[in-house]
Structures are given as C-alpha cells and as structure tokens.
Amino acid sequence: MAEGLPLTVSQVCRRFPGARGAKHVTPSTVTLWILAGCPDRSGIRVRLAATRCGSQWLIKPSDLDSFFTTLAADPTTHSTPPTHRSATQQQRTAENAGERLKKMGA
C-alpha cells in the first residue's frame, strides 16, 4: 500500500477479508488490533499504530504495512523487548538478590 491519506476503521475493514466466510474483517477486530494488539509468530503482542481524531481512529497505510509485516516476520529475527520495571519492583528484586547472596554465604 502506498502512503496516502489516513484511513478510518471502516475503510481498513473493507480492505481485508474476514474469517469463516465473512466478507470483511469487523470494526471491532480492527479496534482490537489498535487497543490490545495481536500476537506475532513468537507470541509478542503487536499493536496497530493509529491516531484518535474525535470519535474515530485514523490509520496510516504505512502503519498497516508495518503491522502485517511484523506479524508475519520470522520469530527468530525478533529480539526480546526490554522489561520495564517500576522503582518498587527494582528495589524488591535487589533486596531478594541480596537475601539469596546472604544465604549462599557471600
């Protein structure tokens, strides 16, 4: 797809066939891709990039290309995303590590 004007959810729906005999994907499916994402071949969730404009979502055609390319990519080429921990989680991890070291005699 070429870069062009952003598409609405209903325009995206008309571009792709649905499952189990449905003519097109449903608006709720596309909205789910935006809000919750879809697992790729390695199990990592990938979200469709979109911009909220008033009461509707707008999706760039290039973002649709990126979304489907990422979903179809070979899982061995993915690097694991960094884990983001809160300061409290980091502190608990450090305390637990310290306790384990003490038990080991370090």
N, C-alpha and C. Protein backbone atom coordinates (compact mmCIF):
# COMPACT_ATOMS: atom_id res chain seq x y z
N MET A 1 0.83 -1.18 0.00
CA MET A 1 0.00 0.00 0.00
C MET A 1 0.88 1.24 0.00
N ALA A 2 0.49 2.20 -0.75
CA ALA A 2 1.26 3.44 -0.82
C ALA A 2 0.85 4.36 0.31
N GLU A 3 1.78 5.25 0.65
CA GLU A 3 1.48 6.24 1.69
C GLU A 3 0.44 7.20 1.13
N GLY A 4 -0.54 7.49 1.91
CA GLY A 4 -1.59 8.39 1.46
C GLY A 4 -2.32 8.95 2.65
N LEU A 5 -3.56 9.31 2.41
CA LEU A 5 -4.38 9.84 3.48
C LEU A 5 -4.66 8.76 4.52
N PRO A 6 -4.78 9.14 5.77
CA PRO A 6 -5.12 8.15 6.80
C PRO A 6 -6.47 7.51 6.52
N LEU A 7 -6.61 6.27 6.92
CA LEU A 7 -7.84 5.51 6.71
C LEU A 7 -8.63 5.42 8.02
N THR A 8 -9.93 5.37 7.89
CA THR A 8 -10.77 5.13 9.07
C THR A 8 -10.84 3.62 9.30
N VAL A 9 -11.38 3.23 10.43
CA VAL A 9 -11.52 1.80 10.75
C VAL A 9 -12.38 1.11 9.69
N SER A 10 -13.47 1.73 9.28
CA SER A 10 -14.34 1.10 8.29
C SER A 10 -13.65 0.95 6.94
N GLN A 11 -12.78 1.89 6.56
CA GLN A 11 -12.03 1.77 5.32
C GLN A 11 -11.01 0.63 5.40
N VAL A 12 -10.39 0.46 6.57
CA VAL A 12 -9.46 -0.65 6.77
C VAL A 12 -10.22 -1.97 6.68
N CYS A 13 -11.40 -2.04 7.27
CA CYS A 13 -12.22 -3.26 7.24
C CYS A 13 -12.49 -3.70 5.80
N ARG A 14 -12.80 -2.76 4.93
CA ARG A 14 -13.14 -3.10 3.55
C ARG A 14 -11.94 -3.61 2.75
N ARG A 15 -10.73 -3.40 3.26
CA ARG A 15 -9.52 -3.83 2.54
C ARG A 15 -9.14 -5.29 2.79
N PHE A 16 -9.68 -5.90 3.86
CA PHE A 16 -9.23 -7.23 4.24
C PHE A 16 -10.40 -8.19 4.38
N PRO A 17 -10.21 -9.43 3.90
CA PRO A 17 -11.29 -10.42 4.04
C PRO A 17 -11.43 -10.88 5.48
N GLY A 18 -12.63 -11.24 5.83
CA GLY A 18 -12.89 -11.73 7.18
C GLY A 18 -12.62 -13.22 7.30
N ALA A 19 -12.81 -13.74 8.47
CA ALA A 19 -12.61 -15.17 8.72
C ALA A 19 -13.95 -15.90 8.64
N ARG A 20 -13.87 -17.19 8.39
CA ARG A 20 -15.05 -18.07 8.40
C ARG A 20 -16.16 -17.58 7.48
N GLY A 21 -15.79 -17.16 6.29
CA GLY A 21 -16.79 -16.78 5.30
C GLY A 21 -17.27 -15.34 5.37
N ALA A 22 -16.80 -14.57 6.33
CA ALA A 22 -17.22 -13.16 6.42
C ALA A 22 -16.61 -12.40 5.26
N LYS A 23 -17.35 -11.45 4.74
CA LYS A 23 -16.88 -10.69 3.59
C LYS A 23 -15.68 -9.82 3.95
N HIS A 24 -15.70 -9.20 5.13
CA HIS A 24 -14.63 -8.30 5.58
C HIS A 24 -14.37 -8.50 7.07
N VAL A 25 -13.21 -8.02 7.53
CA VAL A 25 -12.99 -8.02 8.98
C VAL A 25 -13.95 -7.01 9.59
N THR A 26 -14.25 -7.19 10.85
CA THR A 26 -15.22 -6.32 11.51
C THR A 26 -14.51 -5.12 12.14
N PRO A 27 -15.24 -4.03 12.35
CA PRO A 27 -14.64 -2.87 13.03
C PRO A 27 -14.11 -3.21 14.41
N SER A 28 -14.78 -4.13 15.12
CA SER A 28 -14.30 -4.49 16.45
C SER A 28 -12.94 -5.20 16.37
N THR A 29 -12.70 -5.95 15.30
CA THR A 29 -11.41 -6.62 15.12
C THR A 29 -10.31 -5.60 14.93
N VAL A 30 -10.54 -4.63 14.06
CA VAL A 30 -9.52 -3.60 13.81
C VAL A 30 -9.28 -2.79 15.08
N THR A 31 -10.33 -2.46 15.81
CA THR A 31 -10.18 -1.72 17.06
C THR A 31 -9.38 -2.54 18.07
N LEU A 32 -9.60 -3.84 18.10
CA LEU A 32 -8.84 -4.72 18.98
C LEU A 32 -7.35 -4.72 18.59
N TRP A 33 -7.06 -4.71 17.28
CA TRP A 33 -5.67 -4.62 16.82
C TRP A 33 -5.02 -3.34 17.35
N ILE A 34 -5.79 -2.26 17.40
CA ILE A 34 -5.26 -0.96 17.85
C ILE A 34 -5.05 -0.97 19.36
N LEU A 35 -6.06 -1.40 20.11
CA LEU A 35 -6.03 -1.28 21.57
C LEU A 35 -5.24 -2.38 22.27
N ALA A 36 -5.43 -3.62 21.85
CA ALA A 36 -4.80 -4.75 22.55
C ALA A 36 -3.71 -5.42 21.74
N GLY A 37 -3.72 -5.23 20.45
CA GLY A 37 -2.72 -5.86 19.60
C GLY A 37 -3.08 -7.28 19.25
N CYS A 38 -2.17 -7.91 18.55
CA CYS A 38 -2.34 -9.27 18.07
C CYS A 38 -1.01 -9.98 18.25
N PRO A 39 -0.99 -11.22 18.74
CA PRO A 39 0.30 -11.89 18.94
C PRO A 39 0.96 -12.24 17.61
N ASP A 40 2.26 -11.97 17.52
CA ASP A 40 3.00 -12.34 16.32
C ASP A 40 3.40 -13.81 16.42
N ARG A 41 4.22 -14.29 15.51
CA ARG A 41 4.57 -15.71 15.46
C ARG A 41 5.40 -16.16 16.65
N SER A 42 6.02 -15.21 17.35
CA SER A 42 6.80 -15.59 18.53
C SER A 42 6.01 -15.37 19.83
N GLY A 43 4.78 -14.86 19.72
CA GLY A 43 3.94 -14.66 20.89
C GLY A 43 3.96 -13.26 21.45
N ILE A 44 4.77 -12.37 20.89
CA ILE A 44 4.83 -10.98 21.35
C ILE A 44 3.66 -10.21 20.74
N ARG A 45 2.96 -9.45 21.57
CA ARG A 45 1.82 -8.68 21.07
C ARG A 45 2.29 -7.47 20.27
N VAL A 46 1.68 -7.30 19.10
CA VAL A 46 1.99 -6.17 18.22
C VAL A 46 0.72 -5.37 18.06
N ARG A 47 0.80 -4.07 18.30
CA ARG A 47 -0.36 -3.20 18.17
C ARG A 47 -0.31 -2.43 16.85
N LEU A 48 -1.47 -2.21 16.26
CA LEU A 48 -1.60 -1.40 15.06
C LEU A 48 -1.56 0.07 15.47
N ALA A 49 -0.60 0.81 14.93
CA ALA A 49 -0.48 2.23 15.25
C ALA A 49 -1.66 2.99 14.65
N ALA A 50 -2.27 3.85 15.44
CA ALA A 50 -3.41 4.65 14.99
C ALA A 50 -3.48 5.92 15.82
N THR A 51 -4.15 6.90 15.27
CA THR A 51 -4.32 8.18 15.95
C THR A 51 -5.81 8.41 16.17
N ARG A 52 -6.15 8.83 17.37
CA ARG A 52 -7.54 9.12 17.68
C ARG A 52 -7.83 10.55 17.23
N CYS A 53 -8.88 10.71 16.44
CA CYS A 53 -9.29 12.03 15.96
C CYS A 53 -10.78 12.16 16.21
N GLY A 54 -11.11 12.89 17.27
CA GLY A 54 -12.52 12.99 17.64
C GLY A 54 -13.04 11.65 18.09
N SER A 55 -14.05 11.15 17.41
CA SER A 55 -14.65 9.87 17.81
C SER A 55 -14.18 8.70 16.96
N GLN A 56 -13.19 8.92 16.10
CA GLN A 56 -12.74 7.82 15.26
C GLN A 56 -11.23 7.64 15.26
N TRP A 57 -10.80 6.45 14.89
CA TRP A 57 -9.38 6.15 14.77
C TRP A 57 -8.97 6.38 13.33
N LEU A 58 -7.76 6.92 13.13
CA LEU A 58 -7.20 7.10 11.80
C LEU A 58 -5.91 6.28 11.73
N ILE A 59 -5.77 5.52 10.64
CA ILE A 59 -4.64 4.62 10.47
C ILE A 59 -3.93 4.95 9.17
N LYS A 60 -2.61 5.17 9.25
CA LYS A 60 -1.83 5.42 8.04
C LYS A 60 -1.63 4.09 7.30
N PRO A 61 -1.72 4.10 5.97
CA PRO A 61 -1.47 2.87 5.21
C PRO A 61 -0.10 2.25 5.50
N SER A 62 0.91 3.09 5.73
CA SER A 62 2.24 2.56 6.04
C SER A 62 2.25 1.83 7.39
N ASP A 63 1.41 2.28 8.34
CA ASP A 63 1.31 1.59 9.63
C ASP A 63 0.64 0.23 9.47
N LEU A 64 -0.31 0.13 8.54
CA LEU A 64 -0.92 -1.17 8.26
C LEU A 64 0.13 -2.13 7.69
N ASP A 65 0.95 -1.63 6.76
CA ASP A 65 2.02 -2.45 6.19
C ASP A 65 2.96 -2.94 7.28
N SER A 66 3.38 -2.03 8.16
CA SER A 66 4.30 -2.39 9.24
C SER A 66 3.67 -3.43 10.17
N PHE A 67 2.40 -3.26 10.49
CA PHE A 67 1.69 -4.17 11.38
C PHE A 67 1.70 -5.60 10.82
N PHE A 68 1.30 -5.75 9.55
CA PHE A 68 1.23 -7.08 8.97
C PHE A 68 2.61 -7.67 8.69
N THR A 69 3.58 -6.82 8.36
CA THR A 69 4.95 -7.30 8.16
C THR A 69 5.51 -7.84 9.47
N THR A 70 5.27 -7.14 10.55
CA THR A 70 5.76 -7.57 11.86
C THR A 70 5.09 -8.87 12.29
N LEU A 71 3.79 -8.99 12.04
CA LEU A 71 3.08 -10.21 12.42
C LEU A 71 3.59 -11.42 11.64
N ALA A 72 3.98 -11.21 10.38
CA ALA A 72 4.41 -12.32 9.54
C ALA A 72 5.90 -12.61 9.64
N ALA A 73 6.65 -11.78 10.36
CA ALA A 73 8.11 -11.93 10.42
C ALA A 73 8.52 -13.23 11.09
N ASP A 74 9.70 -13.71 10.70
CA ASP A 74 10.27 -14.92 11.28
C ASP A 74 10.56 -14.67 12.76
N PRO A 75 10.06 -15.53 13.65
CA PRO A 75 10.24 -15.28 15.08
C PRO A 75 11.70 -15.28 15.53
N THR A 76 12.58 -15.89 14.78
CA THR A 76 13.99 -15.93 15.19
C THR A 76 14.68 -14.60 14.96
N THR A 77 14.08 -13.69 14.18
CA THR A 77 14.70 -12.39 13.93
C THR A 77 14.32 -11.36 14.97
N HIS A 78 13.36 -11.69 15.85
CA HIS A 78 12.92 -10.75 16.89
C HIS A 78 13.92 -10.74 18.05
N SER A 79 14.15 -9.59 18.57
CA SER A 79 14.86 -9.52 19.84
C SER A 79 13.80 -9.29 20.91
N THR A 80 14.02 -9.80 22.08
CA THR A 80 13.04 -9.62 23.13
C THR A 80 13.01 -8.17 23.58
N PRO A 81 11.82 -7.62 23.75
CA PRO A 81 11.72 -6.23 24.17
C PRO A 81 12.21 -6.07 25.60
N PRO A 82 12.76 -4.91 25.93
CA PRO A 82 13.24 -4.70 27.29
C PRO A 82 12.08 -4.72 28.28
N THR A 83 12.34 -5.25 29.45
CA THR A 83 11.33 -5.28 30.50
C THR A 83 11.43 -3.99 31.30
N HIS A 84 10.31 -3.31 31.42
CA HIS A 84 10.29 -2.06 32.18
C HIS A 84 9.72 -2.36 33.56
N ARG A 85 10.50 -2.05 34.58
CA ARG A 85 10.06 -2.30 35.95
C ARG A 85 9.96 -0.98 36.69
N SER A 86 9.01 -0.94 37.60
CA SER A 86 8.86 0.25 38.43
C SER A 86 10.00 0.29 39.44
N ALA A 87 10.17 1.42 40.07
CA ALA A 87 11.22 1.57 41.08
C ALA A 87 11.01 0.59 42.23
N THR A 88 9.76 0.37 42.61
CA THR A 88 9.45 -0.58 43.68
C THR A 88 9.84 -2.00 43.28
N GLN A 89 9.53 -2.39 42.05
CA GLN A 89 9.90 -3.72 41.57
C GLN A 89 11.41 -3.89 41.53
N GLN A 90 12.11 -2.84 41.09
CA GLN A 90 13.58 -2.90 41.05
C GLN A 90 14.15 -3.06 42.46
N GLN A 91 13.59 -2.33 43.41
CA GLN A 91 14.07 -2.41 44.79
C GLN A 91 13.82 -3.81 45.37
N ARG A 92 12.63 -4.37 45.14
CA ARG A 92 12.33 -5.72 45.64
C ARG A 92 13.26 -6.75 45.01
N THR A 93 13.54 -6.61 43.73
CA THR A 93 14.45 -7.54 43.06
C THR A 93 15.83 -7.48 43.68
N ALA A 94 16.31 -6.25 43.94
CA ALA A 94 17.63 -6.08 44.55
C ALA A 94 17.66 -6.66 45.96
N GLU A 95 16.60 -6.44 46.74
CA GLU A 95 16.54 -6.99 48.10
C GLU A 95 16.53 -8.51 48.07
N ASN A 96 15.74 -9.09 47.17
CA ASN A 96 15.69 -10.55 47.06
C ASN A 96 17.05 -11.11 46.65
N ALA A 97 17.72 -10.44 45.75
CA ALA A 97 19.04 -10.90 45.33
C ALA A 97 20.01 -10.84 46.51
N GLY A 98 19.94 -9.77 47.30
CA GLY A 98 20.80 -9.64 48.48
C GLY A 98 20.55 -10.74 49.48
N GLU A 99 19.29 -11.06 49.71
CA GLU A 99 18.95 -12.15 50.64
C GLU A 99 19.48 -13.49 50.13
N ARG A 100 19.35 -13.74 48.86
CA ARG A 100 19.86 -15.00 48.30
C ARG A 100 21.36 -15.09 48.44
N LEU A 101 22.06 -13.97 48.23
CA LEU A 101 23.52 -13.96 48.37
C LEU A 101 23.91 -14.25 49.83
N LYS A 102 23.19 -13.68 50.78
CA LYS A 102 23.48 -13.93 52.19
C LYS A 102 23.31 -15.40 52.54
N LYS A 103 22.24 -16.01 52.01
CA LYS A 103 22.00 -17.43 52.26
C LYS A 103 23.11 -18.30 51.65
N MET A 104 23.68 -17.83 50.56
CA MET A 104 24.73 -18.60 49.91
C MET A 104 26.08 -18.39 50.58
N GLY A 105 26.14 -17.44 51.51
CA GLY A 105 27.38 -17.18 52.23
C GLY A 105 28.26 -16.14 51.58
N ALA A 106 27.73 -15.35 50.72
CA ALA A 106 28.54 -14.33 50.05
C ALA A 106 28.61 -13.05 50.88
